[in-house]
């Protein structure tokens, strides 16, 4: 069995209830649900950080993005994510 590390965290009561309901409905341990969610979150954050770093490196080499490039990138996000992309950019 893999080594485990125990953590103590505090959650909003509604989030805790939702977590318990989800784990029960999936017949999973809460720790398995939290571990999977945290792995996904950390991977997403790594991808974002790497993407931002790549954009900074590109701009250092080629100059700041033009308005046209920014508009093209926004359109691509809209194509990929639809309304979700709109929410992410305005957040």
C-alpha atoms as a PDB file:
ATOM      1  CA  UNK A   1       0.000   0.000   0.000  1.00  0.00           C
ATOM      2  CA  UNK A   2       1.259   3.481  -0.860  1.00  0.00           C
ATOM      3  CA  UNK A   3       2.381   5.703   1.965  1.00  0.00           C
ATOM      4  CA  UNK A   4      -0.231   8.264   3.010  1.00  0.00           C
ATOM      5  CA  UNK A   5       0.055  11.626   4.716  1.00  0.00           C
ATOM      6  CA  UNK A   6      -2.781  12.823   6.899  1.00  0.00           C
ATOM      7  CA  UNK A   7      -4.033  16.414   6.656  1.00  0.00           C
ATOM      8  CA  UNK A   8      -6.635  18.346   8.541  1.00  0.00           C
ATOM      9  CA  UNK A   9      -8.635  20.846   6.499  1.00  0.00           C
ATOM     10  CA  UNK A  10     -11.651  23.036   7.135  1.00  0.00           C
ATOM     11  CA  UNK A  11     -14.446  23.284   4.571  1.00  0.00           C
ATOM     12  CA  UNK A  12     -17.540  25.366   4.209  1.00  0.00           C
ATOM     13  CA  UNK A  13     -20.367  23.255   5.698  1.00  0.00           C
ATOM     14  CA  UNK A  14     -22.259  23.067   2.386  1.00  0.00           C
ATOM     15  CA  UNK A  15     -19.133  21.953   0.551  1.00  0.00           C
ATOM     16  CA  UNK A  16     -18.530  19.298   3.191  1.00  0.00           C
ATOM     17  CA  UNK A  17     -22.089  18.008   2.796  1.00  0.00           C
ATOM     18  CA  UNK A  18     -21.734  17.937  -0.990  1.00  0.00           C
ATOM     19  CA  UNK A  19     -18.442  16.060  -0.671  1.00  0.00           C
ATOM     20  CA  UNK A  20     -19.971  13.458   1.628  1.00  0.00           C
ATOM     21  CA  UNK A  21     -22.990  13.008  -0.684  1.00  0.00           C
ATOM     22  CA  UNK A  22     -20.785  12.654  -3.748  1.00  0.00           C
ATOM     23  CA  UNK A  23     -18.441  10.158  -2.092  1.00  0.00           C
ATOM     24  CA  UNK A  24     -21.380   8.089  -0.849  1.00  0.00           C
ATOM     25  CA  UNK A  25     -23.083   8.137  -4.252  1.00  0.00           C
ATOM     26  CA  UNK A  26     -19.855   6.976  -5.920  1.00  0.00           C
ATOM     27  CA  UNK A  27     -19.164   4.455  -3.126  1.00  0.00           C
ATOM     28  CA  UNK A  28     -15.752   6.039  -2.556  1.00  0.00           C
ATOM     29  CA  UNK A  29     -13.805   7.228   0.430  1.00  0.00           C
ATOM     30  CA  UNK A  30     -13.787  10.983   0.916  1.00  0.00           C
ATOM     31  CA  UNK A  31      -9.990  10.973   0.840  1.00  0.00           C
ATOM     32  CA  UNK A  32     -10.010   9.350  -2.623  1.00  0.00           C
ATOM     33  CA  UNK A  33     -12.392  12.008  -3.970  1.00  0.00           C
ATOM     34  CA  UNK A  34     -10.339  14.829  -2.443  1.00  0.00           C
ATOM     35  CA  UNK A  35      -7.051  13.345  -3.682  1.00  0.00           C
ATOM     36  CA  UNK A  36      -8.341  13.046  -7.242  1.00  0.00           C
ATOM     37  CA  UNK A  37      -9.760  16.588  -7.192  1.00  0.00           C
ATOM     38  CA  UNK A  38      -6.543  18.002  -5.762  1.00  0.00           C
ATOM     39  CA  UNK A  39      -4.427  16.187  -8.353  1.00  0.00           C
ATOM     40  CA  UNK A  40      -6.570  17.688 -11.128  1.00  0.00           C
ATOM     41  CA  UNK A  41      -6.446  21.154  -9.559  1.00  0.00           C
ATOM     42  CA  UNK A  42      -2.661  21.082  -9.183  1.00  0.00           C
ATOM     43  CA  UNK A  43      -2.219  19.795 -12.743  1.00  0.00           C
ATOM     44  CA  UNK A  44      -4.494  22.562 -14.063  1.00  0.00           C
ATOM     45  CA  UNK A  45      -2.542  25.186 -12.108  1.00  0.00           C
ATOM     46  CA  UNK A  46       0.760  23.790 -13.448  1.00  0.00           C
ATOM     47  CA  UNK A  47      -0.518  24.022 -17.016  1.00  0.00           C
ATOM     48  CA  UNK A  48      -1.672  27.594 -16.452  1.00  0.00           C
ATOM     49  CA  UNK A  49       1.653  28.572 -14.874  1.00  0.00           C
ATOM     50  CA  UNK A  50       3.592  26.920 -17.716  1.00  0.00           C
ATOM     51  CA  UNK A  51       1.408  28.655 -20.308  1.00  0.00           C
ATOM     52  CA  UNK A  52       1.872  32.056 -18.701  1.00  0.00           C
ATOM     53  CA  UNK A  53       5.619  31.470 -18.522  1.00  0.00           C
ATOM     54  CA  UNK A  54       5.672  30.513 -22.222  1.00  0.00           C
ATOM     55  CA  UNK A  55       3.721  33.659 -23.115  1.00  0.00           C
ATOM     56  CA  UNK A  56       6.188  35.796 -21.136  1.00  0.00           C
ATOM     57  CA  UNK A  57       9.129  34.133 -22.889  1.00  0.00           C
ATOM     58  CA  UNK A  58       7.510  34.643 -26.296  1.00  0.00           C
ATOM     59  CA  UNK A  59       6.892  38.325 -25.589  1.00  0.00           C
ATOM     60  CA  UNK A  60      10.443  38.796 -24.348  1.00  0.00           C
ATOM     61  CA  UNK A  61      11.737  37.422 -27.633  1.00  0.00           C
ATOM     62  CA  UNK A  62       9.193  38.856 -30.098  1.00  0.00           C
ATOM     63  CA  UNK A  63       7.601  41.808 -28.296  1.00  0.00           C
ATOM     64  CA  UNK A  64       4.220  42.381 -26.717  1.00  0.00           C
ATOM     65  CA  UNK A  65       1.160  40.709 -28.204  1.00  0.00           C
ATOM     66  CA  UNK A  66      -0.707  42.897 -30.667  1.00  0.00           C
ATOM     67  CA  UNK A  67      -4.392  43.681 -30.316  1.00  0.00           C
ATOM     68  CA  UNK A  68      -5.000  41.394 -33.303  1.00  0.00           C
ATOM     69  CA  UNK A  69      -3.161  38.503 -31.631  1.00  0.00           C
ATOM     70  CA  UNK A  70      -5.103  39.031 -28.413  1.00  0.00           C
ATOM     71  CA  UNK A  71      -8.403  39.103 -30.321  1.00  0.00           C
ATOM     72  CA  UNK A  72      -7.454  35.928 -32.220  1.00  0.00           C
ATOM     73  CA  UNK A  73      -6.562  34.189 -28.961  1.00  0.00           C
ATOM     74  CA  UNK A  74      -9.862  35.279 -27.373  1.00  0.00           C
ATOM     75  CA  UNK A  75     -11.765  33.944 -30.385  1.00  0.00           C
ATOM     76  CA  UNK A  76      -9.917  30.635 -30.106  1.00  0.00           C
ATOM     77  CA  UNK A  77     -10.823  30.362 -26.423  1.00  0.00           C
ATOM     78  CA  UNK A  78     -14.455  31.074 -27.296  1.00  0.00           C
ATOM     79  CA  UNK A  79     -14.343  28.343 -29.959  1.00  0.00           C
ATOM     80  CA  UNK A  80     -12.844  25.850 -27.518  1.00  0.00           C
ATOM     81  CA  UNK A  81     -14.823  26.706 -24.390  1.00  0.00           C
ATOM     82  CA  UNK A  82     -17.870  28.661 -25.506  1.00  0.00           C
ATOM     83  CA  UNK A  83     -19.510  30.622 -22.720  1.00  0.00           C
ATOM     84  CA  UNK A  84     -17.123  29.078 -20.203  1.00  0.00           C
ATOM     85  CA  UNK A  85     -14.230  30.863 -21.926  1.00  0.00           C
ATOM     86  CA  UNK A  86     -16.097  34.165 -21.653  1.00  0.00           C
ATOM     87  CA  UNK A  87     -16.543  33.657 -17.923  1.00  0.00           C
ATOM     88  CA  UNK A  88     -12.869  32.771 -17.430  1.00  0.00           C
ATOM     89  CA  UNK A  89     -11.607  35.846 -19.277  1.00  0.00           C
ATOM     90  CA  UNK A  90     -13.890  38.228 -17.404  1.00  0.00           C
ATOM     91  CA  UNK A  91     -13.137  36.715 -13.991  1.00  0.00           C
END
